[in-house]
């Protein structure tokens, strides 16, 4: 192939995803977990008030709470999070030895080609 501009070559560039961290598996395939609660910048309720809401999960209403105990926010809209829970794409992970320590994660699947 001949390209006049290097920018044209970028169209054919492919990336290979490192799947070594996708150590969990379910009926849909391999996955890893990622917090549903927003972290880093804009992770507080006051930063994104529309992403602070209660959602039913495992017969309990849960809210996004930051590690320091203050109100946080979810990464997704209420509709998207609700659908992900219904589809089984949200998991609750409890840490051994820590009473009442639970975090909600989304399943991030290996992308099929």
PDB file of N, CA and C in Angstrom:
ATOM      1  N   UNK A   1       0.832  -1.172   0.000  1.00  0.00           N
ATOM      2  CA  UNK A   1       0.000   0.000   0.000  1.00  0.00           C
ATOM      3  C   UNK A   1       0.881   1.241   0.000  1.00  0.00           C
ATOM      4  N   UNK A   2       0.371   2.265  -0.620  1.00  0.00           N
ATOM      5  CA  UNK A   2       1.078   3.542  -0.678  1.00  0.00           C
ATOM      6  C   UNK A   2       0.214   4.615  -0.041  1.00  0.00           C
ATOM      7  N   UNK A   3       0.809   5.401   0.828  1.00  0.00           N
ATOM      8  CA  UNK A   3       0.091   6.485   1.498  1.00  0.00           C
ATOM      9  C   UNK A   3       0.823   7.791   1.255  1.00  0.00           C
ATOM     10  N   UNK A   4       0.074   8.813   0.906  1.00  0.00           N
ATOM     11  CA  UNK A   4       0.670  10.134   0.709  1.00  0.00           C
ATOM     12  C   UNK A   4       0.942  10.823   2.031  1.00  0.00           C
ATOM     13  N   UNK A   5       0.072  10.566   3.009  1.00  0.00           N
ATOM     14  CA  UNK A   5       0.203  11.214   4.314  1.00  0.00           C
ATOM     15  C   UNK A   5       0.261  10.146   5.401  1.00  0.00           C
ATOM     16  N   UNK A   6       1.072  10.400   6.415  1.00  0.00           N
ATOM     17  CA  UNK A   6       1.163   9.461   7.527  1.00  0.00           C
ATOM     18  C   UNK A   6      -0.177   9.339   8.244  1.00  0.00           C
ATOM     19  N   UNK A   7      -0.997  10.403   8.244  1.00  0.00           N
ATOM     20  CA  UNK A   7      -2.300  10.350   8.920  1.00  0.00           C
ATOM     21  C   UNK A   7      -3.224   9.312   8.280  1.00  0.00           C
ATOM     22  N   UNK A   8      -3.040   9.039   6.999  1.00  0.00           N
ATOM     23  CA  UNK A   8      -3.845   8.015   6.334  1.00  0.00           C
ATOM     24  C   UNK A   8      -3.517   6.628   6.874  1.00  0.00           C
ATOM     25  N   UNK A   9      -2.288   6.426   7.269  1.00  0.00           N
ATOM     26  CA  UNK A   9      -1.852   5.148   7.801  1.00  0.00           C
ATOM     27  C   UNK A   9      -2.531   4.840   9.136  1.00  0.00           C
ATOM     28  N   UNK A  10      -2.841   5.863   9.906  1.00  0.00           N
ATOM     29  CA  UNK A  10      -3.470   5.683  11.211  1.00  0.00           C
ATOM     30  C   UNK A  10      -4.812   4.960  11.108  1.00  0.00           C
ATOM     31  N   UNK A  11      -5.479   5.052   9.976  1.00  0.00           N
ATOM     32  CA  UNK A  11      -6.765   4.377   9.808  1.00  0.00           C
ATOM     33  C   UNK A  11      -6.634   2.864   9.913  1.00  0.00           C
ATOM     34  N   UNK A  12      -5.471   2.334   9.606  1.00  0.00           N
ATOM     35  CA  UNK A  12      -5.258   0.895   9.594  1.00  0.00           C
ATOM     36  C   UNK A  12      -4.560   0.393  10.852  1.00  0.00           C
ATOM     37  N   UNK A  13      -4.325   1.293  11.788  1.00  0.00           N
ATOM     38  CA  UNK A  13      -3.644   0.935  13.015  1.00  0.00           C
ATOM     39  C   UNK A  13      -4.593   0.126  13.899  1.00  0.00           C
ATOM     40  N   UNK A  14      -4.126  -0.986  14.447  1.00  0.00           N
ATOM     41  CA  UNK A  14      -4.931  -1.784  15.359  1.00  0.00           C
ATOM     42  C   UNK A  14      -4.204  -1.884  16.697  1.00  0.00           C
ATOM     43  N   UNK A  15      -4.972  -2.076  17.724  1.00  0.00           N
ATOM     44  CA  UNK A  15      -4.387  -2.254  19.043  1.00  0.00           C
ATOM     45  C   UNK A  15      -4.790  -3.622  19.563  1.00  0.00           C
ATOM     46  N   UNK A  16      -3.927  -4.205  20.344  1.00  0.00           N
ATOM     47  CA  UNK A  16      -4.197  -5.491  20.959  1.00  0.00           C
ATOM     48  C   UNK A  16      -4.399  -5.246  22.441  1.00  0.00           C
ATOM     49  N   UNK A  17      -5.541  -5.663  22.950  1.00  0.00           N
ATOM     50  CA  UNK A  17      -5.859  -5.454  24.350  1.00  0.00           C
ATOM     51  C   UNK A  17      -5.198  -6.522  25.206  1.00  0.00           C
ATOM     52  N   UNK A  18      -4.555  -6.084  26.284  1.00  0.00           N
ATOM     53  CA  UNK A  18      -3.950  -7.016  27.233  1.00  0.00           C
ATOM     54  C   UNK A  18      -5.076  -7.618  28.062  1.00  0.00           C
ATOM     55  N   UNK A  19      -5.294  -8.899  27.927  1.00  0.00           N
ATOM     56  CA  UNK A  19      -6.413  -9.550  28.606  1.00  0.00           C
ATOM     57  C   UNK A  19      -5.973 -10.313  29.856  1.00  0.00           C
ATOM     58  N   UNK A  20      -4.732 -10.166  30.268  1.00  0.00           N
ATOM     59  CA  UNK A  20      -4.236 -10.923  31.416  1.00  0.00           C
ATOM     60  C   UNK A  20      -4.954 -10.552  32.713  1.00  0.00           C
ATOM     61  N   UNK A  21      -5.512  -9.345  32.803  1.00  0.00           N
ATOM     62  CA  UNK A  21      -6.207  -8.934  34.025  1.00  0.00           C
ATOM     63  C   UNK A  21      -7.676  -9.376  34.036  1.00  0.00           C
ATOM     64  N   UNK A  22      -8.156 -10.005  32.995  1.00  0.00           N
ATOM     65  CA  UNK A  22      -9.539 -10.490  32.911  1.00  0.00           C
ATOM     66  C   UNK A  22      -9.597 -11.904  33.491  1.00  0.00           C
ATOM     67  N   UNK A  23      -9.409 -12.009  34.792  1.00  0.00           N
ATOM     68  CA  UNK A  23      -9.253 -13.314  35.435  1.00  0.00           C
ATOM     69  C   UNK A  23     -10.567 -13.933  35.916  1.00  0.00           C
ATOM     70  N   UNK A  24     -11.656 -13.196  35.858  1.00  0.00           N
ATOM     71  CA  UNK A  24     -12.948 -13.723  36.280  1.00  0.00           C
ATOM     72  C   UNK A  24     -13.721 -14.210  35.061  1.00  0.00           C
ATOM     73  N   UNK A  25     -14.652 -15.136  35.291  1.00  0.00           N
ATOM     74  CA  UNK A  25     -15.381 -15.700  34.154  1.00  0.00           C
ATOM     75  C   UNK A  25     -16.820 -15.992  34.557  1.00  0.00           C
ATOM     76  N   UNK A  26     -17.720 -15.731  33.633  1.00  0.00           N
ATOM     77  CA  UNK A  26     -19.110 -16.138  33.793  1.00  0.00           C
ATOM     78  C   UNK A  26     -19.597 -16.695  32.463  1.00  0.00           C
ATOM     79  N   UNK A  27     -20.914 -16.881  32.333  1.00  0.00           N
ATOM     80  CA  UNK A  27     -21.456 -17.479  31.101  1.00  0.00           C
ATOM     81  C   UNK A  27     -21.236 -16.616  29.870  1.00  0.00           C
ATOM     82  N   UNK A  28     -20.961 -15.327  30.054  1.00  0.00           N
ATOM     83  CA  UNK A  28     -20.724 -14.424  28.914  1.00  0.00           C
ATOM     84  C   UNK A  28     -19.259 -14.393  28.480  1.00  0.00           C
ATOM     85  N   UNK A  29     -18.372 -14.872  29.346  1.00  0.00           N
ATOM     86  CA  UNK A  29     -16.951 -14.880  29.008  1.00  0.00           C
ATOM     87  C   UNK A  29     -16.092 -14.312  30.129  1.00  0.00           C
ATOM     88  N   UNK A  30     -14.837 -14.028  29.819  1.00  0.00           N
ATOM     89  CA  UNK A  30     -13.911 -13.487  30.810  1.00  0.00           C
ATOM     90  C   UNK A  30     -14.172 -12.006  31.037  1.00  0.00           C
ATOM     91  N   UNK A  31     -13.973 -11.577  32.293  1.00  0.00           N
ATOM     92  CA  UNK A  31     -14.172 -10.174  32.623  1.00  0.00           C
ATOM     93  C   UNK A  31     -13.284  -9.777  33.790  1.00  0.00           C
ATOM     94  N   UNK A  32     -13.161  -8.483  33.990  1.00  0.00           N
ATOM     95  CA  UNK A  32     -12.544  -7.931  35.189  1.00  0.00           C
ATOM     96  C   UNK A  32     -13.549  -6.942  35.769  1.00  0.00           C
ATOM     97  N   UNK A  33     -13.308  -6.504  36.990  1.00  0.00           N
ATOM     98  CA  UNK A  33     -14.265  -5.593  37.611  1.00  0.00           C
ATOM     99  C   UNK A  33     -13.736  -4.167  37.618  1.00  0.00           C
ATOM    100  N   UNK A  34     -14.680  -3.242  37.631  1.00  0.00           N
ATOM    101  CA  UNK A  34     -14.376  -1.819  37.688  1.00  0.00           C
ATOM    102  C   UNK A  34     -15.472  -1.158  38.524  1.00  0.00           C
ATOM    103  N   UNK A  35     -15.064  -0.264  39.426  1.00  0.00           N
ATOM    104  CA  UNK A  35     -16.043   0.397  40.287  1.00  0.00           C
ATOM    105  C   UNK A  35     -17.158   1.058  39.482  1.00  0.00           C
ATOM    106  N   UNK A  36     -18.373   0.944  39.973  1.00  0.00           N
ATOM    107  CA  UNK A  36     -19.484   1.657  39.362  1.00  0.00           C
ATOM    108  C   UNK A  36     -19.519   3.089  39.886  1.00  0.00           C
ATOM    109  N   UNK A  37     -19.057   3.243  41.123  1.00  0.00           N
ATOM    110  CA  UNK A  37     -18.994   4.590  41.696  1.00  0.00           C
ATOM    111  C   UNK A  37     -17.856   5.354  41.025  1.00  0.00           C
ATOM    112  N   UNK A  38     -18.106   6.603  40.723  1.00  0.00           N
ATOM    113  CA  UNK A  38     -17.085   7.459  40.108  1.00  0.00           C
ATOM    114  C   UNK A  38     -15.950   7.668  41.101  1.00  0.00           C
ATOM    115  N   UNK A  39     -14.732   7.736  40.616  1.00  0.00           N
ATOM    116  CA  UNK A  39     -13.571   8.022  41.443  1.00  0.00           C
ATOM    117  C   UNK A  39     -12.771   9.136  40.778  1.00  0.00           C
ATOM    118  N   UNK A  40     -11.861   9.730  41.502  1.00  0.00           N
ATOM    119  CA  UNK A  40     -11.033  10.789  40.924  1.00  0.00           C
ATOM    120  C   UNK A  40     -11.775  12.112  40.841  1.00  0.00           C
ATOM    121  N   UNK A  41     -11.442  12.894  39.832  1.00  0.00           N
ATOM    122  CA  UNK A  41     -12.076  14.206  39.692  1.00  0.00           C
ATOM    123  C   UNK A  41     -13.565  14.054  39.385  1.00  0.00           C
ATOM    124  N   UNK A  42     -14.341  15.006  39.843  1.00  0.00           N
ATOM    125  CA  UNK A  42     -15.803  15.020  39.658  1.00  0.00           C
ATOM    126  C   UNK A  42     -16.485  13.792  40.246  1.00  0.00           C
ATOM    127  N   UNK A  43     -15.967  13.273  41.351  1.00  0.00           N
ATOM    128  CA  UNK A  43     -16.549  12.072  41.942  1.00  0.00           C
ATOM    129  C   UNK A  43     -17.469  12.362  43.125  1.00  0.00           C
ATOM    130  N   UNK A  44     -17.602  13.630  43.479  1.00  0.00           N
ATOM    131  CA  UNK A  44     -18.449  13.991  44.623  1.00  0.00           C
ATOM    132  C   UNK A  44     -19.869  14.311  44.167  1.00  0.00           C
ATOM    133  N   UNK A  45     -20.805  14.141  45.070  1.00  0.00           N
ATOM    134  CA  UNK A  45     -22.212  14.433  44.777  1.00  0.00           C
ATOM    135  C   UNK A  45     -22.370  15.865  44.277  1.00  0.00           C
ATOM    136  N   UNK A  46     -21.671  16.799  44.902  1.00  0.00           N
ATOM    137  CA  UNK A  46     -21.794  18.203  44.514  1.00  0.00           C
ATOM    138  C   UNK A  46     -21.231  18.464  43.108  1.00  0.00           C
ATOM    139  N   UNK A  47     -20.331  17.599  42.633  1.00  0.00           N
ATOM    140  CA  UNK A  47     -19.775  17.758  41.292  1.00  0.00           C
ATOM    141  C   UNK A  47     -20.762  17.317  40.209  1.00  0.00           C
ATOM    142  N   UNK A  48     -21.491  16.258  40.477  1.00  0.00           N
ATOM    143  CA  UNK A  48     -22.428  15.677  39.507  1.00  0.00           C
ATOM    144  C   UNK A  48     -23.720  15.277  40.207  1.00  0.00           C
ATOM    145  N   UNK A  49     -24.501  16.242  40.678  1.00  0.00           N
ATOM    146  CA  UNK A  49     -25.688  15.922  41.486  1.00  0.00           C
ATOM    147  C   UNK A  49     -26.692  15.015  40.784  1.00  0.00           C
ATOM    148  N   UNK A  50     -26.760  15.038  39.467  1.00  0.00           N
ATOM    149  CA  UNK A  50     -27.708  14.176  38.751  1.00  0.00           C
ATOM    150  C   UNK A  50     -27.290  12.703  38.776  1.00  0.00           C
ATOM    151  N   UNK A  51     -26.040  12.425  39.166  1.00  0.00           N
ATOM    152  CA  UNK A  51     -25.576  11.044  39.238  1.00  0.00           C
ATOM    153  C   UNK A  51     -25.538  10.516  40.670  1.00  0.00           C
ATOM    154  N   UNK A  52     -26.208  11.227  41.561  1.00  0.00           N
ATOM    155  CA  UNK A  52     -26.377  10.746  42.937  1.00  0.00           C
ATOM    156  C   UNK A  52     -27.836  10.314  43.093  1.00  0.00           C
ATOM    157  N   UNK A  53     -28.038   9.038  43.259  1.00  0.00           N
ATOM    158  CA  UNK A  53     -29.381   8.486  43.430  1.00  0.00           C
ATOM    159  C   UNK A  53     -29.263   7.113  44.071  1.00  0.00           C
ATOM    160  N   UNK A  54     -30.335   6.674  44.692  1.00  0.00           N
ATOM    161  CA  UNK A  54     -30.371   5.340  45.268  1.00  0.00           C
ATOM    162  C   UNK A  54     -30.784   4.330  44.212  1.00  0.00           C
ATOM    163  N   UNK A  55     -30.201   3.149  44.286  1.00  0.00           N
ATOM    164  CA  UNK A  55     -30.546   2.090  43.337  1.00  0.00           C
ATOM    165  C   UNK A  55     -30.715   0.790  44.120  1.00  0.00           C
ATOM    166  N   UNK A  56     -31.724   0.008  43.737  1.00  0.00           N
ATOM    167  CA  UNK A  56     -31.948  -1.264  44.423  1.00  0.00           C
ATOM    168  C   UNK A  56     -30.980  -2.310  43.904  1.00  0.00           C
ATOM    169  N   UNK A  57     -30.294  -2.943  44.849  1.00  0.00           N
ATOM    170  CA  UNK A  57     -29.340  -3.999  44.510  1.00  0.00           C
ATOM    171  C   UNK A  57     -29.365  -5.028  45.624  1.00  0.00           C
ATOM    172  N   UNK A  58     -29.693  -6.263  45.278  1.00  0.00           N
ATOM    173  CA  UNK A  58     -29.766  -7.357  46.247  1.00  0.00           C
ATOM    174  C   UNK A  58     -30.705  -6.996  47.411  1.00  0.00           C
ATOM    175  N   UNK A  59     -31.891  -6.497  47.076  1.00  0.00           N
ATOM    176  CA  UNK A  59     -32.934  -6.145  48.053  1.00  0.00           C
ATOM    177  C   UNK A  59     -32.523  -5.046  49.023  1.00  0.00           C
ATOM    178  N   UNK A  60     -31.643  -4.186  48.598  1.00  0.00           N
ATOM    179  CA  UNK A  60     -31.183  -3.079  49.428  1.00  0.00           C
ATOM    180  C   UNK A  60     -31.047  -1.840  48.543  1.00  0.00           C
ATOM    181  N   UNK A  61     -31.383  -0.671  49.074  1.00  0.00           N
ATOM    182  CA  UNK A  61     -31.181   0.576  48.346  1.00  0.00           C
ATOM    183  C   UNK A  61     -29.777   1.071  48.678  1.00  0.00           C
ATOM    184  N   UNK A  62     -28.959   1.231  47.658  1.00  0.00           N
ATOM    185  CA  UNK A  62     -27.567   1.661  47.865  1.00  0.00           C
ATOM    186  C   UNK A  62     -27.315   2.993  47.173  1.00  0.00           C
ATOM    187  N   UNK A  63     -26.419   3.761  47.760  1.00  0.00           N
ATOM    188  CA  UNK A  63     -26.015   5.061  47.242  1.00  0.00           C
ATOM    189  C   UNK A  63     -24.508   5.055  47.028  1.00  0.00           C
ATOM    190  N   UNK A  64     -24.014   5.903  46.163  1.00  0.00           N
ATOM    191  CA  UNK A  64     -22.566   5.970  45.952  1.00  0.00           C
ATOM    192  C   UNK A  64     -21.896   6.750  47.090  1.00  0.00           C
ATOM    193  N   UNK A  65     -21.148   6.059  47.907  1.00  0.00           N
ATOM    194  CA  UNK A  65     -20.472   6.679  49.042  1.00  0.00           C
ATOM    195  C   UNK A  65     -18.963   6.577  48.829  1.00  0.00           C
ATOM    196  N   UNK A  66     -18.279   7.692  49.007  1.00  0.00           N
ATOM    197  CA  UNK A  66     -16.820   7.744  48.846  1.00  0.00           C
ATOM    198  C   UNK A  66     -16.127   7.102  50.048  1.00  0.00           C
ATOM    199  N   UNK A  67     -14.863   6.709  49.896  1.00  0.00           N
ATOM    200  CA  UNK A  67     -14.145   6.072  51.010  1.00  0.00           C
ATOM    201  C   UNK A  67     -14.103   6.911  52.290  1.00  0.00           C
ATOM    202  N   UNK A  68     -14.176   8.237  52.168  1.00  0.00           N
ATOM    203  CA  UNK A  68     -14.154   9.092  53.360  1.00  0.00           C
ATOM    204  C   UNK A  68     -15.538   9.251  53.992  1.00  0.00           C
ATOM    205  N   UNK A  69     -16.553   8.553  53.446  1.00  0.00           N
ATOM    206  CA  UNK A  69     -17.893   8.571  54.002  1.00  0.00           C
ATOM    207  C   UNK A  69     -18.814   9.640  53.429  1.00  0.00           C
ATOM    208  N   UNK A  70     -18.302  10.495  52.568  1.00  0.00           N
ATOM    209  CA  UNK A  70     -19.135  11.537  51.970  1.00  0.00           C
ATOM    210  C   UNK A  70     -19.876  10.995  50.749  1.00  0.00           C
ATOM    211  N   UNK A  71     -20.893  11.742  50.329  1.00  0.00           N
ATOM    212  CA  UNK A  71     -21.682  11.339  49.169  1.00  0.00           C
ATOM    213  C   UNK A  71     -20.866  11.462  47.894  1.00  0.00           C
ATOM    214  N   UNK A  72     -20.896  10.413  47.100  1.00  0.00           N
ATOM    215  CA  UNK A  72     -20.218  10.416  45.806  1.00  0.00           C
ATOM    216  C   UNK A  72     -21.240  10.446  44.684  1.00  0.00           C
ATOM    217  N   UNK A  73     -20.875   9.897  43.548  1.00  0.00           N
ATOM    218  CA  UNK A  73     -21.817   9.790  42.434  1.00  0.00           C
ATOM    219  C   UNK A  73     -21.494   8.536  41.635  1.00  0.00           C
ATOM    220  N   UNK A  74     -22.494   8.054  40.933  1.00  0.00           N
ATOM    221  CA  UNK A  74     -22.309   6.898  40.060  1.00  0.00           C
ATOM    222  C   UNK A  74     -21.644   7.351  38.773  1.00  0.00           C
ATOM    223  N   UNK A  75     -21.112   6.423  38.017  1.00  0.00           N
ATOM    224  CA  UNK A  75     -20.503   6.733  36.717  1.00  0.00           C
ATOM    225  C   UNK A  75     -21.549   6.770  35.612  1.00  0.00           C
ATOM    226  N   UNK A  76     -22.691   6.120  35.828  1.00  0.00           N
ATOM    227  CA  UNK A  76     -23.697   5.979  34.784  1.00  0.00           C
ATOM    228  C   UNK A  76     -25.020   6.606  35.188  1.00  0.00           C
ATOM    229  N   UNK A  77     -25.866   6.823  34.188  1.00  0.00           N
ATOM    230  CA  UNK A  77     -27.224   7.304  34.445  1.00  0.00           C
ATOM    231  C   UNK A  77     -28.004   6.228  35.200  1.00  0.00           C
ATOM    232  N   UNK A  78     -29.092   6.640  35.812  1.00  0.00           N
ATOM    233  CA  UNK A  78     -29.919   5.709  36.570  1.00  0.00           C
ATOM    234  C   UNK A  78     -30.453   4.592  35.673  1.00  0.00           C
ATOM    235  N   UNK A  79     -30.872   4.931  34.469  1.00  0.00           N
ATOM    236  CA  UNK A  79     -31.420   3.925  33.547  1.00  0.00           C
ATOM    237  C   UNK A  79     -30.362   2.896  33.154  1.00  0.00           C
ATOM    238  N   UNK A  80     -29.158   3.341  32.848  1.00  0.00           N
ATOM    239  CA  UNK A  80     -28.092   2.420  32.436  1.00  0.00           C
ATOM    240  C   UNK A  80     -27.679   1.517  33.594  1.00  0.00           C
ATOM    241  N   UNK A  81     -27.565   2.078  34.790  1.00  0.00           N
ATOM    242  CA  UNK A  81     -27.177   1.264  35.939  1.00  0.00           C
ATOM    243  C   UNK A  81     -28.249   0.235  36.266  1.00  0.00           C
ATOM    244  N   UNK A  82     -29.512   0.637  36.218  1.00  0.00           N
ATOM    245  CA  UNK A  82     -30.607  -0.289  36.493  1.00  0.00           C
ATOM    246  C   UNK A  82     -30.604  -1.447  35.500  1.00  0.00           C
ATOM    247  N   UNK A  83     -30.421  -1.143  34.218  1.00  0.00           N
ATOM    248  CA  UNK A  83     -30.382  -2.195  33.190  1.00  0.00           C
ATOM    249  C   UNK A  83     -29.195  -3.130  33.410  1.00  0.00           C
ATOM    250  N   UNK A  84     -28.041  -2.574  33.770  1.00  0.00           N
ATOM    251  CA  UNK A  84     -26.856  -3.397  34.012  1.00  0.00           C
ATOM    252  C   UNK A  84     -27.060  -4.347  35.184  1.00  0.00           C
ATOM    253  N   UNK A  85     -27.741  -3.876  36.221  1.00  0.00           N
ATOM    254  CA  UNK A  85     -28.060  -4.741  37.358  1.00  0.00           C
ATOM    255  C   UNK A  85     -29.006  -5.854  36.915  1.00  0.00           C
ATOM    256  N   UNK A  86     -30.055  -5.495  36.165  1.00  0.00           N
ATOM    257  CA  UNK A  86     -31.019  -6.490  35.679  1.00  0.00           C
ATOM    258  C   UNK A  86     -30.353  -7.528  34.771  1.00  0.00           C
ATOM    259  N   UNK A  87     -29.366  -7.097  33.978  1.00  0.00           N
ATOM    260  CA  UNK A  87     -28.671  -7.991  33.051  1.00  0.00           C
ATOM    261  C   UNK A  87     -27.588  -8.832  33.732  1.00  0.00           C
ATOM    262  N   UNK A  88     -27.381  -8.628  35.041  1.00  0.00           N
ATOM    263  CA  UNK A  88     -26.367  -9.391  35.763  1.00  0.00           C
ATOM    264  C   UNK A  88     -24.952  -8.902  35.527  1.00  0.00           C
ATOM    265  N   UNK A  89     -24.815  -7.663  35.071  1.00  0.00           N
ATOM    266  CA  UNK A  89     -23.495  -7.118  34.779  1.00  0.00           C
ATOM    267  C   UNK A  89     -22.916  -6.301  35.929  1.00  0.00           C
ATOM    268  N   UNK A  90     -23.524  -6.424  37.110  1.00  0.00           N
ATOM    269  CA  UNK A  90     -23.028  -5.743  38.307  1.00  0.00           C
ATOM    270  C   UNK A  90     -22.809  -6.809  39.371  1.00  0.00           C
ATOM    271  N   UNK A  91     -21.668  -6.737  40.042  1.00  0.00           N
ATOM    272  CA  UNK A  91     -21.366  -7.689  41.104  1.00  0.00           C
ATOM    273  C   UNK A  91     -21.082  -6.933  42.393  1.00  0.00           C
ATOM    274  N   UNK A  92     -21.367  -7.587  43.506  1.00  0.00           N
ATOM    275  CA  UNK A  92     -21.090  -7.046  44.822  1.00  0.00           C
ATOM    276  C   UNK A  92     -19.935  -7.850  45.389  1.00  0.00           C
ATOM    277  N   UNK A  93     -18.884  -7.176  45.778  1.00  0.00           N
ATOM    278  CA  UNK A  93     -17.704  -7.859  46.301  1.00  0.00           C
ATOM    279  C   UNK A  93     -17.518  -7.466  47.758  1.00  0.00           C
ATOM    280  N   UNK A  94     -17.456  -8.470  48.606  1.00  0.00           N
ATOM    281  CA  UNK A  94     -17.223  -8.243  50.030  1.00  0.00           C
ATOM    282  C   UNK A  94     -15.780  -8.612  50.342  1.00  0.00           C
ATOM    283  N   UNK A  95     -15.125  -7.782  51.129  1.00  0.00           N
ATOM    284  CA  UNK A  95     -13.736  -8.039  51.486  1.00  0.00           C
ATOM    285  C   UNK A  95     -13.683  -8.919  52.724  1.00  0.00           C
ATOM    286  N   UNK A  96     -12.867  -9.979  52.655  1.00  0.00           N
ATOM    287  CA  UNK A  96     -12.731 -10.873  53.799  1.00  0.00           C
ATOM    288  C   UNK A  96     -12.145 -10.132  54.989  1.00  0.00           C
ATOM    289  N   UNK A  97     -12.680 -10.427  56.160  1.00  0.00           N
ATOM    290  CA  UNK A  97     -12.148  -9.844  57.379  1.00  0.00           C
ATOM    291  C   UNK A  97     -12.628  -8.432  57.661  1.00  0.00           C
ATOM    292  N   UNK A  98     -13.407  -7.858  56.757  1.00  0.00           N
ATOM    293  CA  UNK A  98     -13.914  -6.501  56.970  1.00  0.00           C
ATOM    294  C   UNK A  98     -15.424  -6.565  57.015  1.00  0.00           C
ATOM    295  N   UNK A  99     -15.959  -6.323  58.191  1.00  0.00           N
ATOM    296  CA  UNK A  99     -17.405  -6.376  58.381  1.00  0.00           C
ATOM    297  C   UNK A  99     -18.069  -5.218  57.630  1.00  0.00           C
ATOM    298  N   UNK A 100     -19.116  -5.536  56.913  1.00  0.00           N
ATOM    299  CA  UNK A 100     -19.907  -4.547  56.171  1.00  0.00           C
ATOM    300  C   UNK A 100     -19.105  -3.793  55.121  1.00  0.00           C
ATOM    301  N   UNK A 101     -18.054  -4.383  54.608  1.00  0.00           N
ATOM    302  CA  UNK A 101     -17.275  -3.746  53.547  1.00  0.00           C
ATOM    303  C   UNK A 101     -17.723  -4.346  52.224  1.00  0.00           C
ATOM    304  N   UNK A 102     -18.488  -3.585  51.468  1.00  0.00           N
ATOM    305  CA  UNK A 102     -18.992  -4.081  50.196  1.00  0.00           C
ATOM    306  C   UNK A 102     -18.837  -2.998  49.143  1.00  0.00           C
ATOM    307  N   UNK A 103     -18.402  -3.388  47.972  1.00  0.00           N
ATOM    308  CA  UNK A 103     -18.305  -2.454  46.856  1.00  0.00           C
ATOM    309  C   UNK A 103     -19.022  -3.051  45.664  1.00  0.00           C
ATOM    310  N   UNK A 104     -19.637  -2.175  44.892  1.00  0.00           N
ATOM    311  CA  UNK A 104     -20.343  -2.602  43.691  1.00  0.00           C
ATOM    312  C   UNK A 104     -19.439  -2.377  42.486  1.00  0.00           C
ATOM    313  N   UNK A 105     -19.358  -3.366  41.628  1.00  0.00           N
ATOM    314  CA  UNK A 105     -18.509  -3.298  40.453  1.00  0.00           C
ATOM    315  C   UNK A 105     -19.304  -3.656  39.209  1.00  0.00           C
ATOM    316  N   UNK A 106     -18.867  -3.130  38.107  1.00  0.00           N
ATOM    317  CA  UNK A 106     -19.411  -3.537  36.825  1.00  0.00           C
ATOM    318  C   UNK A 106     -18.459  -4.559  36.221  1.00  0.00           C
ATOM    319  N   UNK A 107     -18.994  -5.461  35.440  1.00  0.00           N
ATOM    320  CA  UNK A 107     -18.174  -6.427  34.739  1.00  0.00           C
ATOM    321  C   UNK A 107     -17.704  -5.811  33.430  1.00  0.00           C
ATOM    322  N   UNK A 108     -16.422  -5.745  33.244  1.00  0.00           N
ATOM    323  CA  UNK A 108     -15.855  -5.238  32.003  1.00  0.00           C
ATOM    324  C   UNK A 108     -15.380  -6.453  31.205  1.00  0.00           C
ATOM    325  N   UNK A 109     -16.108  -6.762  30.150  1.00  0.00           N
ATOM    326  CA  UNK A 109     -15.850  -7.982  29.381  1.00  0.00           C
ATOM    327  C   UNK A 109     -14.696  -7.790  28.401  1.00  0.00           C
ATOM    328  N   UNK A 110     -14.035  -8.885  28.076  1.00  0.00           N
ATOM    329  CA  UNK A 110     -13.033  -8.879  27.021  1.00  0.00           C
ATOM    330  C   UNK A 110     -13.777  -8.571  25.722  1.00  0.00           C
ATOM    331  N   UNK A 111     -13.270  -7.642  24.949  1.00  0.00           N
ATOM    332  CA  UNK A 111     -13.916  -7.281  23.684  1.00  0.00           C
ATOM    333  C   UNK A 111     -13.649  -8.368  22.644  1.00  0.00           C
ATOM    334  N   UNK A 112     -14.712  -8.885  22.058  1.00  0.00           N
ATOM    335  CA  UNK A 112     -14.543  -9.894  21.002  1.00  0.00           C
ATOM    336  C   UNK A 112     -14.406  -9.175  19.669  1.00  0.00           C
ATOM    337  N   UNK A 113     -13.671  -9.765  18.794  1.00  0.00           N
ATOM    338  CA  UNK A 113     -13.425  -9.152  17.481  1.00  0.00           C
ATOM    339  C   UNK A 113     -14.198  -9.843  16.402  1.00  0.00           C
TER     340      UNK A 113
END
